[in-house]
Amino acid sequence: MKTKEFKERVISMSERLYPMVSRMLGNSTNAEDAIQEIMIKLWERRRQIKNHPNLPAFIFLTARNHCLDLIKKKKPPEASYDVQTQLLASAPEHDSFEWRELKGNIEKVLERLPEQQKEVMIMRDLDGMEFTEIAELTTLRVDHIRVLLSRARQQVAIELQKTYSYGKGGN
């Protein structure tokens, strides 16, 4: 793979990698550094990946594994990447008390979800990844990912309904 082709096929993916890497590592500085390191790794392997059948999925998988390696080096084993640091990053116009409260409630519900449900929901709803990309990264079947996502969303909805229907009678 020559420089021009590498730029077109691999480096162009860095913008799509950024949300996932940033979320996993917790801040933009670490994410930018990690993306550079990932691109260097991919450049060094450019001859092997030139004819890869699903290059975008391979790039995402490489990025995810790199982030997990960095997390393992920096944090104690029981700590996972912190959903709360990047969950629903809001624009300044959404900085109201109600928005912060909603974000906090969603974060609490997500933390209680089973790990696979939480990971799939974050990848799909926050990172905007396609089902096929999630399947490549997690080695799960697309139909299983859909089930996990559905259950996660349902649980979040149930918990939010409980929280926000307080005092309205009924449940």
C-alpha atoms as a PDB file:
ATOM      1  CA  MET A   1       0.000   0.000   0.000  1.00  0.00           C
ATOM      2  CA  LYS A   2       1.489   3.309  -1.073  1.00  0.00           C
ATOM      3  CA  THR A   3       1.256   6.569   0.844  1.00  0.00           C
ATOM      4  CA  LYS A   4      -1.624   7.983  -1.186  1.00  0.00           C
ATOM      5  CA  GLU A   5      -3.705   4.807  -0.862  1.00  0.00           C
ATOM      6  CA  PHE A   6      -2.919   4.621   2.863  1.00  0.00           C
ATOM      7  CA  LYS A   7      -4.133   8.194   3.338  1.00  0.00           C
ATOM      8  CA  GLU A   8      -7.342   7.497   1.410  1.00  0.00           C
ATOM      9  CA  ARG A   9      -8.183   4.141   2.974  1.00  0.00           C
ATOM     10  CA  VAL A  10      -6.745   4.303   6.502  1.00  0.00           C
ATOM     11  CA  ILE A  11      -6.017   7.834   7.664  1.00  0.00           C
ATOM     12  CA  SER A  12      -9.413   8.985   6.408  1.00  0.00           C
ATOM     13  CA  MET A  13     -10.936   6.656   9.048  1.00  0.00           C
ATOM     14  CA  SER A  14      -9.332   8.574  11.937  1.00  0.00           C
ATOM     15  CA  GLU A  15     -12.314  10.931  12.258  1.00  0.00           C
ATOM     16  CA  ARG A  16     -14.633   7.956  12.687  1.00  0.00           C
ATOM     17  CA  LEU A  17     -12.264   6.437  15.271  1.00  0.00           C
ATOM     18  CA  TYR A  18     -12.078   9.567  17.389  1.00  0.00           C
ATOM     19  CA  PRO A  19     -15.419   9.250  19.277  1.00  0.00           C
ATOM     20  CA  MET A  20     -14.742   5.669  20.306  1.00  0.00           C
ATOM     21  CA  VAL A  21     -11.119   6.289  21.274  1.00  0.00           C
ATOM     22  CA  SER A  22     -12.006   9.473  23.149  1.00  0.00           C
ATOM     23  CA  ARG A  23     -14.769   7.731  25.079  1.00  0.00           C
ATOM     24  CA  MET A  24     -12.584   4.792  25.981  1.00  0.00           C
ATOM     25  CA  LEU A  25      -9.586   6.864  27.073  1.00  0.00           C
ATOM     26  CA  GLY A  26     -11.535   9.622  28.775  1.00  0.00           C
ATOM     27  CA  ASN A  27     -10.156  12.762  27.152  1.00  0.00           C
ATOM     28  CA  SER A  28      -9.289  14.312  23.822  1.00  0.00           C
ATOM     29  CA  THR A  29      -5.531  14.635  24.383  1.00  0.00           C
ATOM     30  CA  ASN A  30      -5.139  10.931  25.087  1.00  0.00           C
ATOM     31  CA  ALA A  31      -7.420  10.142  22.147  1.00  0.00           C
ATOM     32  CA  GLU A  32      -5.355  12.211  19.715  1.00  0.00           C
ATOM     33  CA  ASP A  33      -2.143  10.572  20.902  1.00  0.00           C
ATOM     34  CA  ALA A  34      -3.684   7.113  20.668  1.00  0.00           C
ATOM     35  CA  ILE A  35      -4.964   7.707  17.136  1.00  0.00           C
ATOM     36  CA  GLN A  36      -1.481   8.736  16.070  1.00  0.00           C
ATOM     37  CA  GLU A  37      -0.033   5.577  17.616  1.00  0.00           C
ATOM     38  CA  ILE A  38      -2.721   3.474  15.920  1.00  0.00           C
ATOM     39  CA  MET A  39      -1.971   5.055  12.549  1.00  0.00           C
ATOM     40  CA  ILE A  40       1.738   4.318  13.025  1.00  0.00           C
ATOM     41  CA  LYS A  41       0.950   0.676  13.821  1.00  0.00           C
ATOM     42  CA  LEU A  42      -1.229   0.432  10.731  1.00  0.00           C
ATOM     43  CA  TRP A  43       1.417   2.115   8.571  1.00  0.00           C
ATOM     44  CA  GLU A  44       3.977  -0.434   9.733  1.00  0.00           C
ATOM     45  CA  ARG A  45       1.560  -3.215   8.737  1.00  0.00           C
ATOM     46  CA  ARG A  46       0.390  -1.598   5.488  1.00  0.00           C
ATOM     47  CA  ARG A  47       1.637  -4.461   3.307  1.00  0.00           C
ATOM     48  CA  GLN A  48      -0.285  -7.069   5.326  1.00  0.00           C
ATOM     49  CA  ILE A  49      -3.537  -5.079   5.474  1.00  0.00           C
ATOM     50  CA  LYS A  50      -3.554  -3.896   1.861  1.00  0.00           C
ATOM     51  CA  ASN A  51      -5.951  -6.619   0.696  1.00  0.00           C
ATOM     52  CA  HIS A  52      -7.873  -7.091   3.931  1.00  0.00           C
ATOM     53  CA  PRO A  53     -11.503  -7.980   3.106  1.00  0.00           C
ATOM     54  CA  ASN A  54     -12.969  -5.533   5.653  1.00  0.00           C
ATOM     55  CA  LEU A  55     -10.409  -2.821   6.271  1.00  0.00           C
ATOM     56  CA  PRO A  56     -12.680  -0.446   8.262  1.00  0.00           C
ATOM     57  CA  ALA A  57     -13.571  -3.200  10.727  1.00  0.00           C
ATOM     58  CA  PHE A  58      -9.899  -4.141  11.041  1.00  0.00           C
ATOM     59  CA  ILE A  59      -9.009  -0.502  11.763  1.00  0.00           C
ATOM     60  CA  PHE A  60     -11.730  -0.230  14.439  1.00  0.00           C
ATOM     61  CA  LEU A  61     -10.633  -3.503  16.008  1.00  0.00           C
ATOM     62  CA  THR A  62      -7.013  -2.362  16.062  1.00  0.00           C
ATOM     63  CA  ALA A  63      -8.058   0.925  17.695  1.00  0.00           C
ATOM     64  CA  ARG A  64     -10.229  -0.799  20.282  1.00  0.00           C
ATOM     65  CA  ASN A  65      -7.493  -3.261  21.214  1.00  0.00           C
ATOM     66  CA  HIS A  66      -4.937  -0.455  21.452  1.00  0.00           C
ATOM     67  CA  CYS A  67      -7.220   1.497  23.800  1.00  0.00           C
ATOM     68  CA  LEU A  68      -7.847  -1.560  25.957  1.00  0.00           C
ATOM     69  CA  ASP A  69      -4.084  -2.110  26.203  1.00  0.00           C
ATOM     70  CA  LEU A  70      -3.594   1.508  27.302  1.00  0.00           C
ATOM     71  CA  ILE A  71      -6.375   1.216  29.871  1.00  0.00           C
ATOM     72  CA  LYS A  72      -4.895  -1.972  31.314  1.00  0.00           C
ATOM     73  CA  LYS A  73      -1.509  -0.288  31.695  1.00  0.00           C
ATOM     74  CA  LYS A  74      -2.876   2.794  33.454  1.00  0.00           C
ATOM     75  CA  LYS A  75      -5.720   1.514  35.634  1.00  0.00           C
ATOM     76  CA  PRO A  76      -6.186  -1.219  38.189  1.00  0.00           C
ATOM     77  CA  PRO A  77      -7.677  -4.391  36.691  1.00  0.00           C
ATOM     78  CA  GLU A  78     -11.103  -3.927  38.272  1.00  0.00           C
ATOM     79  CA  ALA A  79     -11.553  -0.507  36.647  1.00  0.00           C
ATOM     80  CA  SER A  80     -13.154  -0.342  33.237  1.00  0.00           C
ATOM     81  CA  TYR A  81     -13.301   2.607  30.882  1.00  0.00           C
ATOM     82  CA  ASP A  82     -15.430   5.270  32.480  1.00  0.00           C
ATOM     83  CA  VAL A  83     -18.765   5.712  30.747  1.00  0.00           C
ATOM     84  CA  GLN A  84     -19.538   8.700  32.910  1.00  0.00           C
ATOM     85  CA  THR A  85     -16.680  10.828  31.590  1.00  0.00           C
ATOM     86  CA  GLN A  86     -17.940  10.933  28.027  1.00  0.00           C
ATOM     87  CA  LEU A  87     -21.588   9.899  28.200  1.00  0.00           C
ATOM     88  CA  LEU A  88     -23.876  12.114  26.190  1.00  0.00           C
ATOM     89  CA  ALA A  89     -21.371  14.929  25.822  1.00  0.00           C
ATOM     90  CA  SER A  90     -23.703  17.884  25.704  1.00  0.00           C
ATOM     91  CA  ALA A  91     -23.503  21.095  23.777  1.00  0.00           C
ATOM     92  CA  PRO A  92     -23.513  24.320  25.841  1.00  0.00           C
ATOM     93  CA  GLU A  93     -27.193  24.954  25.039  1.00  0.00           C
ATOM     94  CA  HIS A  94     -28.036  21.726  26.901  1.00  0.00           C
ATOM     95  CA  ASP A  95     -26.314  22.759  30.101  1.00  0.00           C
ATOM     96  CA  SER A  96     -29.520  23.179  32.054  1.00  0.00           C
ATOM     97  CA  PHE A  97     -30.199  21.526  35.380  1.00  0.00           C
ATOM     98  CA  GLU A  98     -32.734  19.187  33.791  1.00  0.00           C
ATOM     99  CA  TRP A  99     -30.277  18.042  31.125  1.00  0.00           C
ATOM    100  CA  ARG A 100     -27.531  17.392  33.695  1.00  0.00           C
ATOM    101  CA  GLU A 101     -30.002  15.469  35.852  1.00  0.00           C
ATOM    102  CA  LEU A 102     -31.122  13.342  32.890  1.00  0.00           C
ATOM    103  CA  LYS A 103     -27.516  12.606  31.930  1.00  0.00           C
ATOM    104  CA  GLY A 104     -26.762  11.592  35.507  1.00  0.00           C
ATOM    105  CA  ASN A 105     -29.760   9.270  35.638  1.00  0.00           C
ATOM    106  CA  ILE A 106     -28.844   7.641  32.326  1.00  0.00           C
ATOM    107  CA  GLU A 107     -25.256   7.169  33.524  1.00  0.00           C
ATOM    108  CA  LYS A 108     -26.496   5.405  36.660  1.00  0.00           C
ATOM    109  CA  VAL A 109     -28.719   3.076  34.659  1.00  0.00           C
ATOM    110  CA  LEU A 110     -25.925   2.295  32.193  1.00  0.00           C
ATOM    111  CA  GLU A 111     -23.531   1.422  34.991  1.00  0.00           C
ATOM    112  CA  ARG A 112     -25.998  -1.202  36.252  1.00  0.00           C
ATOM    113  CA  LEU A 113     -26.449  -2.858  32.853  1.00  0.00           C
ATOM    114  CA  PRO A 114     -24.619  -6.080  32.043  1.00  0.00           C
ATOM    115  CA  GLU A 115     -21.255  -5.317  30.426  1.00  0.00           C
ATOM    116  CA  GLN A 116     -22.180  -6.513  26.917  1.00  0.00           C
ATOM    117  CA  GLN A 117     -25.428  -4.534  26.878  1.00  0.00           C
ATOM    118  CA  LYS A 118     -23.631  -1.414  28.068  1.00  0.00           C
ATOM    119  CA  GLU A 119     -20.844  -1.775  25.507  1.00  0.00           C
ATOM    120  CA  VAL A 120     -23.226  -2.398  22.601  1.00  0.00           C
ATOM    121  CA  MET A 121     -25.470   0.529  23.566  1.00  0.00           C
ATOM    122  CA  ILE A 122     -22.511   2.900  23.813  1.00  0.00           C
ATOM    123  CA  MET A 123     -21.055   1.755  20.492  1.00  0.00           C
ATOM    124  CA  ARG A 124     -24.390   2.059  18.688  1.00  0.00           C
ATOM    125  CA  ASP A 125     -26.061   5.058  20.334  1.00  0.00           C
ATOM    126  CA  LEU A 126     -23.101   7.197  21.368  1.00  0.00           C
ATOM    127  CA  ASP A 127     -20.421   6.255  18.838  1.00  0.00           C
ATOM    128  CA  GLY A 128     -22.887   5.802  15.968  1.00  0.00           C
ATOM    129  CA  MET A 129     -21.366   2.537  14.807  1.00  0.00           C
ATOM    130  CA  GLU A 130     -23.173   0.174  12.444  1.00  0.00           C
ATOM    131  CA  PHE A 131     -24.277  -3.275  13.597  1.00  0.00           C
ATOM    132  CA  THR A 132     -21.729  -4.941  11.327  1.00  0.00           C
ATOM    133  CA  GLU A 133     -18.905  -2.838  12.804  1.00  0.00           C
ATOM    134  CA  ILE A 134     -19.991  -3.726  16.332  1.00  0.00           C
ATOM    135  CA  ALA A 135     -20.138  -7.389  15.336  1.00  0.00           C
ATOM    136  CA  GLU A 136     -16.575  -7.250  14.014  1.00  0.00           C
ATOM    137  CA  LEU A 137     -15.307  -5.575  17.182  1.00  0.00           C
ATOM    138  CA  THR A 138     -17.112  -7.747  19.680  1.00  0.00           C
ATOM    139  CA  THR A 139     -17.172 -11.029  17.722  1.00  0.00           C
ATOM    140  CA  LEU A 140     -20.911 -11.251  18.405  1.00  0.00           C
ATOM    141  CA  ARG A 141     -23.548 -12.012  15.776  1.00  0.00           C
ATOM    142  CA  VAL A 142     -25.577  -9.067  14.475  1.00  0.00           C
ATOM    143  CA  ASP A 143     -28.847 -10.607  15.674  1.00  0.00           C
ATOM    144  CA  HIS A 144     -27.384 -11.021  19.172  1.00  0.00           C
ATOM    145  CA  ILE A 145     -26.219  -7.385  19.114  1.00  0.00           C
ATOM    146  CA  ARG A 146     -29.751  -6.277  18.204  1.00  0.00           C
ATOM    147  CA  VAL A 147     -31.139  -8.255  21.146  1.00  0.00           C
ATOM    148  CA  LEU A 148     -28.560  -6.803  23.553  1.00  0.00           C
ATOM    149  CA  LEU A 149     -29.261  -3.272  22.315  1.00  0.00           C
ATOM    150  CA  SER A 150     -33.009  -3.742  22.587  1.00  0.00           C
ATOM    151  CA  ARG A 151     -32.729  -5.032  26.138  1.00  0.00           C
ATOM    152  CA  ALA A 152     -30.384  -2.232  27.137  1.00  0.00           C
ATOM    153  CA  ARG A 153     -32.662   0.459  25.708  1.00  0.00           C
ATOM    154  CA  GLN A 154     -35.683  -1.162  27.321  1.00  0.00           C
ATOM    155  CA  GLN A 155     -33.969  -1.218  30.721  1.00  0.00           C
ATOM    156  CA  VAL A 156     -32.905   2.421  30.392  1.00  0.00           C
ATOM    157  CA  ALA A 157     -36.473   3.380  29.429  1.00  0.00           C
ATOM    158  CA  ILE A 158     -37.976   1.443  32.362  1.00  0.00           C
ATOM    159  CA  GLU A 159     -35.606   3.012  34.872  1.00  0.00           C
ATOM    160  CA  LEU A 160     -36.144   6.517  33.504  1.00  0.00           C
ATOM    161  CA  GLN A 161     -39.912   5.977  33.527  1.00  0.00           C
ATOM    162  CA  LYS A 162     -39.711   4.987  37.198  1.00  0.00           C
ATOM    163  CA  THR A 163     -37.657   8.072  37.995  1.00  0.00           C
ATOM    164  CA  TYR A 164     -39.719  10.587  36.068  1.00  0.00           C
ATOM    165  CA  SER A 165     -43.196   9.227  36.763  1.00  0.00           C
ATOM    166  CA  TYR A 166     -42.741   9.628  40.519  1.00  0.00           C
ATOM    167  CA  GLY A 167     -45.748  11.344  42.026  1.00  0.00           C
ATOM    168  CA  LYS A 168     -47.952  10.911  38.958  1.00  0.00           C
ATOM    169  CA  GLY A 169     -49.836   7.923  40.315  1.00  0.00           C
ATOM    170  CA  GLY A 170     -49.806   4.519  38.665  1.00  0.00           C
ATOM    171  CA  ASN A 171     -46.531   2.616  39.257  1.00  0.00           C
END
